[in-house]
C-alpha atoms as a PDB file:
ATOM      1  CA  UNK A   1     -18.205   1.314   4.050  1.00  0.00           C
ATOM      2  CA  UNK A   2     -14.956  -0.075   5.405  1.00  0.00           C
ATOM      3  CA  UNK A   3     -14.459  -3.740   4.133  1.00  0.00           C
ATOM      4  CA  UNK A   4     -11.883  -5.966   5.987  1.00  0.00           C
ATOM      5  CA  UNK A   5     -10.629  -9.618   5.807  1.00  0.00           C
ATOM      6  CA  UNK A   6     -10.132 -11.875   8.662  1.00  0.00           C
ATOM      7  CA  UNK A   7      -9.616 -15.325  10.012  1.00  0.00           C
ATOM      8  CA  UNK A   8     -12.200 -16.545  12.332  1.00  0.00           C
ATOM      9  CA  UNK A   9     -11.293 -19.123  15.526  1.00  0.00           C
ATOM     10  CA  UNK A  10     -12.583 -21.920  12.805  1.00  0.00           C
ATOM     11  CA  UNK A  11      -9.611 -20.998  10.252  1.00  0.00           C
ATOM     12  CA  UNK A  12     -12.079 -19.889   8.013  1.00  0.00           C
ATOM     13  CA  UNK A  13     -11.416 -16.503   6.088  1.00  0.00           C
ATOM     14  CA  UNK A  14     -14.137 -14.365   5.804  1.00  0.00           C
ATOM     15  CA  UNK A  15     -15.024 -10.360   4.879  1.00  0.00           C
ATOM     16  CA  UNK A  16     -16.432  -7.798   7.062  1.00  0.00           C
ATOM     17  CA  UNK A  17     -17.813  -4.727   7.617  1.00  0.00           C
ATOM     18  CA  UNK A  18     -16.243  -2.182  10.227  1.00  0.00           C
ATOM     19  CA  UNK A  19     -18.566   0.244  11.759  1.00  0.00           C
ATOM     20  CA  UNK A  20     -17.933   3.514  12.891  1.00  0.00           C
ATOM     21  CA  UNK A  21     -18.282   2.561  17.114  1.00  0.00           C
ATOM     22  CA  UNK A  22     -15.424  -0.224  16.111  1.00  0.00           C
ATOM     23  CA  UNK A  23     -17.941  -3.261  15.790  1.00  0.00           C
ATOM     24  CA  UNK A  24     -17.671  -5.616  12.869  1.00  0.00           C
ATOM     25  CA  UNK A  25     -20.357  -7.624  11.079  1.00  0.00           C
ATOM     26  CA  UNK A  26     -19.674 -10.406   9.316  1.00  0.00           C
ATOM     27  CA  UNK A  27     -20.365 -10.230   5.404  1.00  0.00           C
ATOM     28  CA  UNK A  28     -21.033 -12.310   2.439  1.00  0.00           C
ATOM     29  CA  UNK A  29     -19.612 -11.737  -0.743  1.00  0.00           C
ATOM     30  CA  UNK A  30     -16.376 -10.038  -1.841  1.00  0.00           C
ATOM     31  CA  UNK A  31     -15.395  -6.747  -2.846  1.00  0.00           C
ATOM     32  CA  UNK A  32     -15.428  -7.529  -6.781  1.00  0.00           C
ATOM     33  CA  UNK A  33     -19.026  -8.824  -7.109  1.00  0.00           C
ATOM     34  CA  UNK A  34     -20.616  -6.855  -3.881  1.00  0.00           C
ATOM     35  CA  UNK A  35     -20.861  -7.083  -0.178  1.00  0.00           C
ATOM     36  CA  UNK A  36     -23.931  -7.834   1.695  1.00  0.00           C
ATOM     37  CA  UNK A  37     -23.623  -7.129   5.392  1.00  0.00           C
ATOM     38  CA  UNK A  38     -24.830  -9.399   7.781  1.00  0.00           C
ATOM     39  CA  UNK A  39     -26.123  -8.730  11.480  1.00  0.00           C
ATOM     40  CA  UNK A  40     -23.626 -11.580  12.689  1.00  0.00           C
ATOM     41  CA  UNK A  41     -21.063 -10.015  14.789  1.00  0.00           C
ATOM     42  CA  UNK A  42     -18.099 -10.841  13.245  1.00  0.00           C
ATOM     43  CA  UNK A  43     -15.841 -13.674  14.909  1.00  0.00           C
ATOM     44  CA  UNK A  44     -12.311 -11.749  14.417  1.00  0.00           C
ATOM     45  CA  UNK A  45      -9.202 -14.451  15.020  1.00  0.00           C
ATOM     46  CA  UNK A  46      -6.780 -12.489  12.990  1.00  0.00           C
ATOM     47  CA  UNK A  47      -6.971  -9.511  10.902  1.00  0.00           C
ATOM     48  CA  UNK A  48      -5.584  -9.463   7.444  1.00  0.00           C
ATOM     49  CA  UNK A  49      -4.883  -7.469   4.526  1.00  0.00           C
ATOM     50  CA  UNK A  50      -8.353  -6.548   3.013  1.00  0.00           C
ATOM     51  CA  UNK A  51      -7.282  -8.265  -0.410  1.00  0.00           C
ATOM     52  CA  UNK A  52      -5.336 -10.820  -1.778  1.00  0.00           C
ATOM     53  CA  UNK A  53      -3.964  -9.120  -4.440  1.00  0.00           C
ATOM     54  CA  UNK A  54      -3.331 -10.633  -7.950  1.00  0.00           C
ATOM     55  CA  UNK A  55      -0.797  -8.219  -9.022  1.00  0.00           C
ATOM     56  CA  UNK A  56       1.101  -5.185  -7.367  1.00  0.00           C
ATOM     57  CA  UNK A  57       2.092  -2.693  -9.635  1.00  0.00           C
ATOM     58  CA  UNK A  58       3.969   0.676  -8.092  1.00  0.00           C
ATOM     59  CA  UNK A  59       4.194   4.218  -9.381  1.00  0.00           C
ATOM     60  CA  UNK A  60       7.769   5.699  -8.508  1.00  0.00           C
ATOM     61  CA  UNK A  61       8.600   9.475  -8.267  1.00  0.00           C
ATOM     62  CA  UNK A  62       4.863  10.467  -8.352  1.00  0.00           C
ATOM     63  CA  UNK A  63       5.202  13.411  -5.721  1.00  0.00           C
ATOM     64  CA  UNK A  64       6.721  16.157  -6.604  1.00  0.00           C
ATOM     65  CA  UNK A  65       8.558  17.279  -3.331  1.00  0.00           C
ATOM     66  CA  UNK A  66       9.927  13.531  -3.462  1.00  0.00           C
ATOM     67  CA  UNK A  67      10.981  13.877  -6.726  1.00  0.00           C
ATOM     68  CA  UNK A  68      12.870  16.850  -5.357  1.00  0.00           C
ATOM     69  CA  UNK A  69      14.758  15.336  -2.161  1.00  0.00           C
ATOM     70  CA  UNK A  70      15.464  12.307  -4.681  1.00  0.00           C
ATOM     71  CA  UNK A  71      17.795  14.561  -6.805  1.00  0.00           C
ATOM     72  CA  UNK A  72      15.644  13.548 -10.010  1.00  0.00           C
ATOM     73  CA  UNK A  73      13.620  15.751 -12.177  1.00  0.00           C
ATOM     74  CA  UNK A  74      10.158  14.930 -12.290  1.00  0.00           C
ATOM     75  CA  UNK A  75       9.380  12.127 -14.833  1.00  0.00           C
ATOM     76  CA  UNK A  76       7.468  12.637 -17.993  1.00  0.00           C
ATOM     77  CA  UNK A  77       5.414   9.805 -17.999  1.00  0.00           C
ATOM     78  CA  UNK A  78       4.225   7.203 -14.944  1.00  0.00           C
ATOM     79  CA  UNK A  79       7.253   5.212 -13.637  1.00  0.00           C
ATOM     80  CA  UNK A  80       6.038   1.383 -13.182  1.00  0.00           C
ATOM     81  CA  UNK A  81       7.752  -0.783 -11.426  1.00  0.00           C
ATOM     82  CA  UNK A  82       6.510  -4.278  -9.502  1.00  0.00           C
ATOM     83  CA  UNK A  83       6.140  -6.096  -6.630  1.00  0.00           C
ATOM     84  CA  UNK A  84       5.414  -9.751  -5.972  1.00  0.00           C
ATOM     85  CA  UNK A  85       2.814 -11.051  -4.130  1.00  0.00           C
ATOM     86  CA  UNK A  86       4.945 -12.394  -1.786  1.00  0.00           C
ATOM     87  CA  UNK A  87       5.656  -9.118  -0.310  1.00  0.00           C
ATOM     88  CA  UNK A  88       1.876  -9.012   1.088  1.00  0.00           C
ATOM     89  CA  UNK A  89       2.162  -8.261   4.855  1.00  0.00           C
ATOM     90  CA  UNK A  90      -0.923  -7.973   7.267  1.00  0.00           C
ATOM     91  CA  UNK A  91      -1.702  -5.261   9.326  1.00  0.00           C
ATOM     92  CA  UNK A  92      -0.169  -5.793  12.850  1.00  0.00           C
ATOM     93  CA  UNK A  93       2.277  -8.443  11.527  1.00  0.00           C
ATOM     94  CA  UNK A  94       6.686  -7.301  11.114  1.00  0.00           C
ATOM     95  CA  UNK A  95       8.048  -5.787   8.385  1.00  0.00           C
ATOM     96  CA  UNK A  96      11.214  -8.013   8.153  1.00  0.00           C
ATOM     97  CA  UNK A  97      14.442  -6.811   7.509  1.00  0.00           C
ATOM     98  CA  UNK A  98      16.437  -8.957   4.905  1.00  0.00           C
ATOM     99  CA  UNK A  99      19.180 -11.092   6.534  1.00  0.00           C
ATOM    100  CA  UNK A 100      19.619 -13.854   4.428  1.00  0.00           C
ATOM    101  CA  UNK A 101      20.486 -11.897   1.187  1.00  0.00           C
ATOM    102  CA  UNK A 102      21.305  -8.951   3.593  1.00  0.00           C
ATOM    103  CA  UNK A 103      19.706  -5.165   3.705  1.00  0.00           C
ATOM    104  CA  UNK A 104      20.930  -2.415   5.641  1.00  0.00           C
ATOM    105  CA  UNK A 105      19.141   0.030   3.941  1.00  0.00           C
ATOM    106  CA  UNK A 106      15.478  -0.660   4.533  1.00  0.00           C
ATOM    107  CA  UNK A 107      12.983   2.018   4.261  1.00  0.00           C
ATOM    108  CA  UNK A 108       9.379   3.143   4.836  1.00  0.00           C
ATOM    109  CA  UNK A 109       7.186   4.934   1.913  1.00  0.00           C
ATOM    110  CA  UNK A 110       3.601   5.915   2.827  1.00  0.00           C
ATOM    111  CA  UNK A 111       1.300   5.167  -0.171  1.00  0.00           C
ATOM    112  CA  UNK A 112      -2.314   5.318  -1.245  1.00  0.00           C
ATOM    113  CA  UNK A 113      -3.094   2.030  -2.573  1.00  0.00           C
ATOM    114  CA  UNK A 114      -6.070   1.503  -5.312  1.00  0.00           C
ATOM    115  CA  UNK A 115      -7.693  -1.546  -5.636  1.00  0.00           C
ATOM    116  CA  UNK A 116      -8.999  -2.355  -8.821  1.00  0.00           C
ATOM    117  CA  UNK A 117     -12.665  -3.946  -9.087  1.00  0.00           C
ATOM    118  CA  UNK A 118     -13.185  -5.406 -12.504  1.00  0.00           C
ATOM    119  CA  UNK A 119     -11.264  -6.045 -15.753  1.00  0.00           C
ATOM    120  CA  UNK A 120      -9.909  -2.563 -17.121  1.00  0.00           C
ATOM    121  CA  UNK A 121      -8.302  -2.406 -20.084  1.00  0.00           C
ATOM    122  CA  UNK A 122      -7.938   0.978 -22.321  1.00  0.00           C
ATOM    123  CA  UNK A 123      -9.916   2.986 -20.471  1.00  0.00           C
ATOM    124  CA  UNK A 124      -9.928   6.648 -20.563  1.00  0.00           C
ATOM    125  CA  UNK A 125      -8.933   9.224 -17.783  1.00  0.00           C
ATOM    126  CA  UNK A 126     -12.541  10.159 -17.592  1.00  0.00           C
ATOM    127  CA  UNK A 127     -13.804   6.746 -17.036  1.00  0.00           C
ATOM    128  CA  UNK A 128     -10.965   5.244 -15.091  1.00  0.00           C
ATOM    129  CA  UNK A 129     -11.962   5.911 -11.157  1.00  0.00           C
ATOM    130  CA  UNK A 130     -15.162   3.953 -11.780  1.00  0.00           C
ATOM    131  CA  UNK A 131     -12.722   0.674 -11.927  1.00  0.00           C
ATOM    132  CA  UNK A 132     -11.714   1.122  -8.496  1.00  0.00           C
ATOM    133  CA  UNK A 133     -13.246  -1.291  -5.860  1.00  0.00           C
ATOM    134  CA  UNK A 134     -11.641   0.834  -2.859  1.00  0.00           C
ATOM    135  CA  UNK A 135      -8.778   2.225  -1.092  1.00  0.00           C
ATOM    136  CA  UNK A 136      -6.280   1.486   1.483  1.00  0.00           C
ATOM    137  CA  UNK A 137      -2.930   2.338   3.117  1.00  0.00           C
ATOM    138  CA  UNK A 138       0.221   0.476   1.956  1.00  0.00           C
ATOM    139  CA  UNK A 139       3.765   0.919   2.899  1.00  0.00           C
ATOM    140  CA  UNK A 140       6.368   0.525  -0.358  1.00  0.00           C
ATOM    141  CA  UNK A 141       9.041  -0.775   2.125  1.00  0.00           C
ATOM    142  CA  UNK A 142      12.326  -0.597   0.283  1.00  0.00           C
ATOM    143  CA  UNK A 143      15.885  -1.843   0.899  1.00  0.00           C
ATOM    144  CA  UNK A 144      17.885   1.070  -0.765  1.00  0.00           C
ATOM    145  CA  UNK A 145      20.895  -1.050  -1.135  1.00  0.00           C
ATOM    146  CA  UNK A 146      19.583  -3.585  -3.300  1.00  0.00           C
ATOM    147  CA  UNK A 147      17.428  -0.907  -5.046  1.00  0.00           C
ATOM    148  CA  UNK A 148      20.150   1.461  -6.131  1.00  0.00           C
ATOM    149  CA  UNK A 149      23.587  -0.094  -5.665  1.00  0.00           C
ATOM    150  CA  UNK A 150      23.164  -3.950  -5.736  1.00  0.00           C
ATOM    151  CA  UNK A 151      20.111  -4.397  -8.072  1.00  0.00           C
ATOM    152  CA  UNK A 152      21.438  -4.294 -11.409  1.00  0.00           C
ATOM    153  CA  UNK A 153      20.404  -0.819 -12.687  1.00  0.00           C
ATOM    154  CA  UNK A 154      16.435  -1.759 -11.476  1.00  0.00           C
ATOM    155  CA  UNK A 155      14.367  -1.145  -8.778  1.00  0.00           C
ATOM    156  CA  UNK A 156      12.601  -4.316  -8.495  1.00  0.00           C
ATOM    157  CA  UNK A 157      14.851  -6.606  -6.387  1.00  0.00           C
ATOM    158  CA  UNK A 158      15.137  -3.657  -3.561  1.00  0.00           C
ATOM    159  CA  UNK A 159      11.279  -3.472  -3.620  1.00  0.00           C
ATOM    160  CA  UNK A 160      10.629  -7.281  -3.863  1.00  0.00           C
ATOM    161  CA  UNK A 161      11.584  -9.273  -0.631  1.00  0.00           C
ATOM    162  CA  UNK A 162       8.795 -10.875   1.530  1.00  0.00           C
ATOM    163  CA  UNK A 163       6.776  -8.564   4.120  1.00  0.00           C
ATOM    164  CA  UNK A 164       7.538  -5.531   1.688  1.00  0.00           C
ATOM    165  CA  UNK A 165       4.097  -4.553   0.903  1.00  0.00           C
ATOM    166  CA  UNK A 166       1.831  -4.228   3.824  1.00  0.00           C
ATOM    167  CA  UNK A 167      -1.634  -3.040   3.301  1.00  0.00           C
ATOM    168  CA  UNK A 168      -4.635  -2.317   5.735  1.00  0.00           C
ATOM    169  CA  UNK A 169      -6.224  -2.039   8.089  1.00  0.00           C
ATOM    170  CA  UNK A 170      -9.593  -2.199   5.600  1.00  0.00           C
ATOM    171  CA  UNK A 171     -10.749  -1.494   1.802  1.00  0.00           C
ATOM    172  CA  UNK A 172     -12.976   1.934   2.007  1.00  0.00           C
ATOM    173  CA  UNK A 173     -15.134   1.880  -1.093  1.00  0.00           C
ATOM    174  CA  UNK A 174     -15.548   4.871  -3.382  1.00  0.00           C
ATOM    175  CA  UNK A 175     -18.636   5.966  -2.023  1.00  0.00           C
ATOM    176  CA  UNK A 176     -16.333   7.287   0.695  1.00  0.00           C
ATOM    177  CA  UNK A 177     -13.292   8.805  -1.060  1.00  0.00           C
ATOM    178  CA  UNK A 178     -14.908  10.234  -3.885  1.00  0.00           C
ATOM    179  CA  UNK A 179     -11.685  12.344  -4.453  1.00  0.00           C
ATOM    180  CA  UNK A 180      -8.127  10.632  -3.668  1.00  0.00           C
ATOM    181  CA  UNK A 181      -6.417  13.209  -4.671  1.00  0.00           C
ATOM    182  CA  UNK A 182      -7.114  15.420  -1.808  1.00  0.00           C
ATOM    183  CA  UNK A 183      -6.119  13.023   1.349  1.00  0.00           C
ATOM    184  CA  UNK A 184      -3.466  13.850   3.988  1.00  0.00           C
ATOM    185  CA  UNK A 185      -0.943  10.976   3.886  1.00  0.00           C
ATOM    186  CA  UNK A 186       1.524  10.169   6.691  1.00  0.00           C
ATOM    187  CA  UNK A 187       4.157   8.032   7.667  1.00  0.00           C
ATOM    188  CA  UNK A 188       4.826   7.491  11.736  1.00  0.00           C
ATOM    189  CA  UNK A 189       8.120   6.237  13.003  1.00  0.00           C
ATOM    190  CA  UNK A 190       8.071   5.397  16.410  1.00  0.00           C
ATOM    191  CA  UNK A 191       5.486   8.405  17.403  1.00  0.00           C
ATOM    192  CA  UNK A 192       7.240  10.837  14.850  1.00  0.00           C
ATOM    193  CA  UNK A 193       5.423  11.973  12.400  1.00  0.00           C
ATOM    194  CA  UNK A 194       8.301  12.043   9.406  1.00  0.00           C
ATOM    195  CA  UNK A 195       6.200  12.116   6.203  1.00  0.00           C
ATOM    196  CA  UNK A 196       3.154  14.586   6.238  1.00  0.00           C
ATOM    197  CA  UNK A 197       1.700  15.758   3.144  1.00  0.00           C
ATOM    198  CA  UNK A 198      -1.130  15.182   1.003  1.00  0.00           C
ATOM    199  CA  UNK A 199      -2.118  13.318  -2.143  1.00  0.00           C
ATOM    200  CA  UNK A 200      -2.996  16.551  -4.078  1.00  0.00           C
ATOM    201  CA  UNK A 201       0.974  16.523  -4.741  1.00  0.00           C
ATOM    202  CA  UNK A 202       1.445  13.840  -7.191  1.00  0.00           C
ATOM    203  CA  UNK A 203       2.731  14.565 -10.298  1.00  0.00           C
ATOM    204  CA  UNK A 204       0.136  11.822 -12.076  1.00  0.00           C
ATOM    205  CA  UNK A 205      -3.377  11.826 -10.063  1.00  0.00           C
ATOM    206  CA  UNK A 206      -4.947   8.587  -9.739  1.00  0.00           C
ATOM    207  CA  UNK A 207      -7.313   8.612 -12.993  1.00  0.00           C
ATOM    208  CA  UNK A 208      -3.896   9.481 -15.009  1.00  0.00           C
ATOM    209  CA  UNK A 209      -2.181   6.273 -13.592  1.00  0.00           C
ATOM    210  CA  UNK A 210      -5.014   3.618 -14.034  1.00  0.00           C
ATOM    211  CA  UNK A 211      -5.504   5.018 -17.552  1.00  0.00           C
ATOM    212  CA  UNK A 212      -1.682   4.902 -18.261  1.00  0.00           C
ATOM    213  CA  UNK A 213      -1.502   1.137 -16.730  1.00  0.00           C
ATOM    214  CA  UNK A 214      -4.519  -0.175 -18.529  1.00  0.00           C
ATOM    215  CA  UNK A 215      -3.371   1.164 -22.109  1.00  0.00           C
ATOM    216  CA  UNK A 216      -3.199  -2.300 -24.098  1.00  0.00           C
ATOM    217  CA  UNK A 217      -3.262  -4.300 -20.793  1.00  0.00           C
ATOM    218  CA  UNK A 218      -5.505  -5.714 -18.808  1.00  0.00           C
ATOM    219  CA  UNK A 219      -5.730  -4.903 -15.034  1.00  0.00           C
ATOM    220  CA  UNK A 220      -7.572  -7.939 -13.398  1.00  0.00           C
ATOM    221  CA  UNK A 221      -9.808  -7.324 -10.608  1.00  0.00           C
ATOM    222  CA  UNK A 222      -7.728  -7.593  -7.558  1.00  0.00           C
ATOM    223  CA  UNK A 223      -4.693  -5.262  -8.825  1.00  0.00           C
ATOM    224  CA  UNK A 224      -2.976  -3.321  -6.244  1.00  0.00           C
ATOM    225  CA  UNK A 225      -1.724   0.020  -7.299  1.00  0.00           C
ATOM    226  CA  UNK A 226       0.529   1.635  -5.354  1.00  0.00           C
ATOM    227  CA  UNK A 227       0.396   5.586  -5.976  1.00  0.00           C
ATOM    228  CA  UNK A 228       3.795   6.648  -4.992  1.00  0.00           C
ATOM    229  CA  UNK A 229       5.162   8.185  -1.572  1.00  0.00           C
ATOM    230  CA  UNK A 230       5.566  12.020  -0.553  1.00  0.00           C
ATOM    231  CA  UNK A 231       8.788  13.699   0.786  1.00  0.00           C
ATOM    232  CA  UNK A 232       9.962  12.925   4.156  1.00  0.00           C
ATOM    233  CA  UNK A 233      11.540   8.858   3.562  1.00  0.00           C
ATOM    234  CA  UNK A 234      14.053   7.975   5.723  1.00  0.00           C
ATOM    235  CA  UNK A 235      17.038   7.824   2.647  1.00  0.00           C
ATOM    236  CA  UNK A 236      16.608  11.670   2.453  1.00  0.00           C
ATOM    237  CA  UNK A 237      16.601  12.220   6.179  1.00  0.00           C
ATOM    238  CA  UNK A 238      19.270  14.895   7.306  1.00  0.00           C
ATOM    239  CA  UNK A 239      21.960  14.838   8.762  1.00  0.00           C
ATOM    240  CA  UNK A 240      21.769  11.066   8.021  1.00  0.00           C
ATOM    241  CA  UNK A 241      19.641   8.453   6.414  1.00  0.00           C
ATOM    242  CA  UNK A 242      17.122   7.069   8.459  1.00  0.00           C
ATOM    243  CA  UNK A 243      16.883   3.390   8.381  1.00  0.00           C
ATOM    244  CA  UNK A 244      14.186   1.039   9.846  1.00  0.00           C
ATOM    245  CA  UNK A 245      15.290  -1.322  12.780  1.00  0.00           C
ATOM    246  CA  UNK A 246      14.201  -3.988  14.900  1.00  0.00           C
ATOM    247  CA  UNK A 247      11.974  -2.873  17.216  1.00  0.00           C
ATOM    248  CA  UNK A 248      10.740   0.077  15.716  1.00  0.00           C
ATOM    249  CA  UNK A 249       7.092   1.041  14.851  1.00  0.00           C
ATOM    250  CA  UNK A 250       5.671   2.316  11.565  1.00  0.00           C
ATOM    251  CA  UNK A 251       2.430   3.728  10.858  1.00  0.00           C
ATOM    252  CA  UNK A 252       0.946   4.886   7.734  1.00  0.00           C
ATOM    253  CA  UNK A 253      -1.896   7.215   8.307  1.00  0.00           C
ATOM    254  CA  UNK A 254      -4.474   8.220   5.726  1.00  0.00           C
ATOM    255  CA  UNK A 255      -7.270  10.702   5.654  1.00  0.00           C
ATOM    256  CA  UNK A 256     -10.626   8.998   5.408  1.00  0.00           C
ATOM    257  CA  UNK A 257      -8.957   5.569   5.488  1.00  0.00           C
ATOM    258  CA  UNK A 258      -7.170   5.151   8.678  1.00  0.00           C
ATOM    259  CA  UNK A 259      -4.009   3.701  10.233  1.00  0.00           C
ATOM    260  CA  UNK A 260      -2.175   0.701   8.979  1.00  0.00           C
ATOM    261  CA  UNK A 261       0.452  -0.565  12.188  1.00  0.00           C
ATOM    262  CA  UNK A 262       3.255  -2.803  11.591  1.00  0.00           C
ATOM    263  CA  UNK A 263       6.545  -3.441  13.985  1.00  0.00           C
ATOM    264  CA  UNK A 264       9.543  -4.127  12.474  1.00  0.00           C
ATOM    265  CA  UNK A 265      11.812  -7.041  12.918  1.00  0.00           C
ATOM    266  CA  UNK A 266      14.587  -9.064  11.715  1.00  0.00           C
ATOM    267  CA  UNK A 267      13.909 -11.675   8.836  1.00  0.00           C
ATOM    268  CA  UNK A 268      12.752 -15.351  10.356  1.00  0.00           C
ATOM    269  CA  UNK A 269      15.170 -17.171   8.041  1.00  0.00           C
ATOM    270  CA  UNK A 270      14.148 -21.022   7.334  1.00  0.00           C
ATOM    271  CA  UNK A 271      16.029 -23.406   6.224  1.00  0.00           C
END
């Protein structure tokens, strides 16, 4: 099932079920307690990110080839950093390049996002996938200047700007994706495929990540886990880095899920 979240013409947030023919039916319930699909055509005024995250946990350096292009050794344990829920962005809405606390090195990162569907603590690797509500496309947008040079030695400042976590276009339930570690994953920037690999290159697979993060820690429903990016990021482009610019169009494509589209613009600074 492909679950979408949308705002209708009455400004009410609803869930729907996307059909293979492109039609969408309104749904009742939610991805955590259960979805019931109605026969009513969805009244979609605005497509939203498929869930509103309760927290966003991210795994760094989790693809073998990306660790190599970054000039770093493969980690012995999953590398955790976080994004605030303020970073969420909807499909079709712009990734905003920071201008108030300016960044000149904003990068794209296609990622498989895992959404936890029920409270999850101290789970084994064997049980881990049973706690997943579904999967969606994510872009771990990163201001590399703030991540590497201006962030005081930690990554979060460069990952924490508004709009830096686009999610969508929908949440695909686990019955449609039985093996999250065998999916083609790509970034298409202005029509050019700049990342193009497979989730089987992860150093720590999805089940291992969930088990590790749940150790002595409750992952509440709505927790989004971004599982890392493959090689081909803009920072590592040759002969010179490829940073996002206003007017760019970024698409994140994952096999079995779909494509998440976002344009790029400057931050709309408000007083």
